[in-house]
Amino acid sequence: MLRLRQVREERKMSLVGLTQLTGISPSDISEIERGRRPAFPGWRARISRALGVPQDELFAEVDDDRR
C-alpha cells in the first residue's frame, strides 16, 4: 500500500473527494493506492498538489496494518 491512502484517510477524504480535486477516477486512485496501477507523472503531480504533500512521501510503500 502507498502512503497516499494513509494520508487520504487521515484527512477523512473519500476517493470521490480526491477525484473532485484531481480529475482522476476513484477506481484509478484506488488501484494506485494498492500498487496495482502505476501513477503517471501528471497524476502524481495532481494528487500531490491536491493533498499538499510531496510526491516522494505520498508514493512511498508502507505496511498495511489492517490485515
Protein backbone atom coordinates (compact mmCIF):
# COMPACT_ATOMS: atom_id res chain seq x y z
CA MET A 1 0.00 0.00 0.00
CA LEU A 2 1.15 3.54 -0.66
CA ARG A 3 1.34 6.32 1.92
CA LEU A 4 -1.19 8.12 -0.30
CA ARG A 5 -4.02 6.03 1.12
CA GLN A 6 -2.98 6.74 4.71
CA VAL A 7 -2.83 10.48 4.07
CA ARG A 8 -6.22 10.49 2.35
CA GLU A 9 -7.84 8.51 5.15
CA GLU A 10 -6.18 10.61 7.90
CA ARG A 11 -7.81 13.63 6.30
CA LYS A 12 -11.17 11.84 6.20
CA MET A 13 -11.22 12.28 2.42
CA SER A 14 -13.10 9.81 0.25
CA LEU A 15 -11.93 8.58 -3.13
CA VAL A 16 -14.67 10.73 -4.67
CA GLY A 17 -13.38 13.77 -2.76
CA LEU A 18 -9.89 13.26 -4.14
CA THR A 19 -11.39 12.73 -7.59
CA GLN A 20 -13.09 16.11 -7.37
CA LEU A 21 -9.73 17.75 -6.66
CA THR A 22 -7.67 15.85 -9.24
CA GLY A 23 -9.97 14.73 -12.05
CA ILE A 24 -8.65 11.17 -11.67
CA SER A 25 -11.35 8.49 -11.37
CA PRO A 26 -11.99 6.86 -7.99
CA SER A 27 -11.18 3.42 -9.40
CA ASP A 28 -7.83 4.65 -10.75
CA ILE A 29 -6.95 6.27 -7.41
CA SER A 30 -7.87 3.06 -5.57
CA GLU A 31 -5.73 0.97 -7.90
CA ILE A 32 -2.80 3.39 -7.46
CA GLU A 33 -3.15 3.28 -3.67
CA ARG A 34 -2.98 -0.52 -3.71
CA GLY A 35 0.00 -0.57 -6.07
CA ARG A 36 -1.97 -2.28 -8.82
CA ARG A 37 -1.69 0.63 -11.28
CA PRO A 38 1.22 2.95 -11.90
CA ALA A 39 0.71 6.62 -11.13
CA PHE A 40 1.61 8.55 -14.25
CA PRO A 41 3.83 11.60 -13.61
CA GLY A 42 0.99 14.05 -14.30
CA TRP A 43 -1.32 12.18 -11.94
CA ARG A 44 1.36 12.10 -9.23
CA ALA A 45 1.72 15.86 -9.51
CA ARG A 46 -2.05 16.50 -9.36
CA ILE A 47 -2.51 14.23 -6.33
CA SER A 48 0.48 15.78 -4.57
CA ARG A 49 -0.83 19.31 -5.15
CA ALA A 50 -4.35 18.37 -4.04
CA LEU A 51 -3.10 16.92 -0.75
CA GLY A 52 -0.23 19.35 -0.22
CA VAL A 53 2.23 16.52 0.38
CA PRO A 54 5.48 15.91 -1.56
CA GLN A 55 5.30 13.17 -4.18
CA ASP A 56 8.17 11.18 -2.70
CA GLU A 57 6.27 10.92 0.58
CA LEU A 58 2.86 10.13 -0.95
CA PHE A 59 4.11 7.40 -3.24
CA ALA A 60 6.29 5.57 -0.72
CA GLU A 61 5.35 1.99 0.16
CA VAL A 62 4.09 1.45 3.72
CA ASP A 63 2.85 -1.58 5.64
CA ASP A 64 -0.88 -2.14 5.69
CA ASP A 65 -1.50 -2.95 9.34
CA ARG A 66 -5.21 -3.60 8.77
CA ARG A 67 -4.67 -7.19 7.56
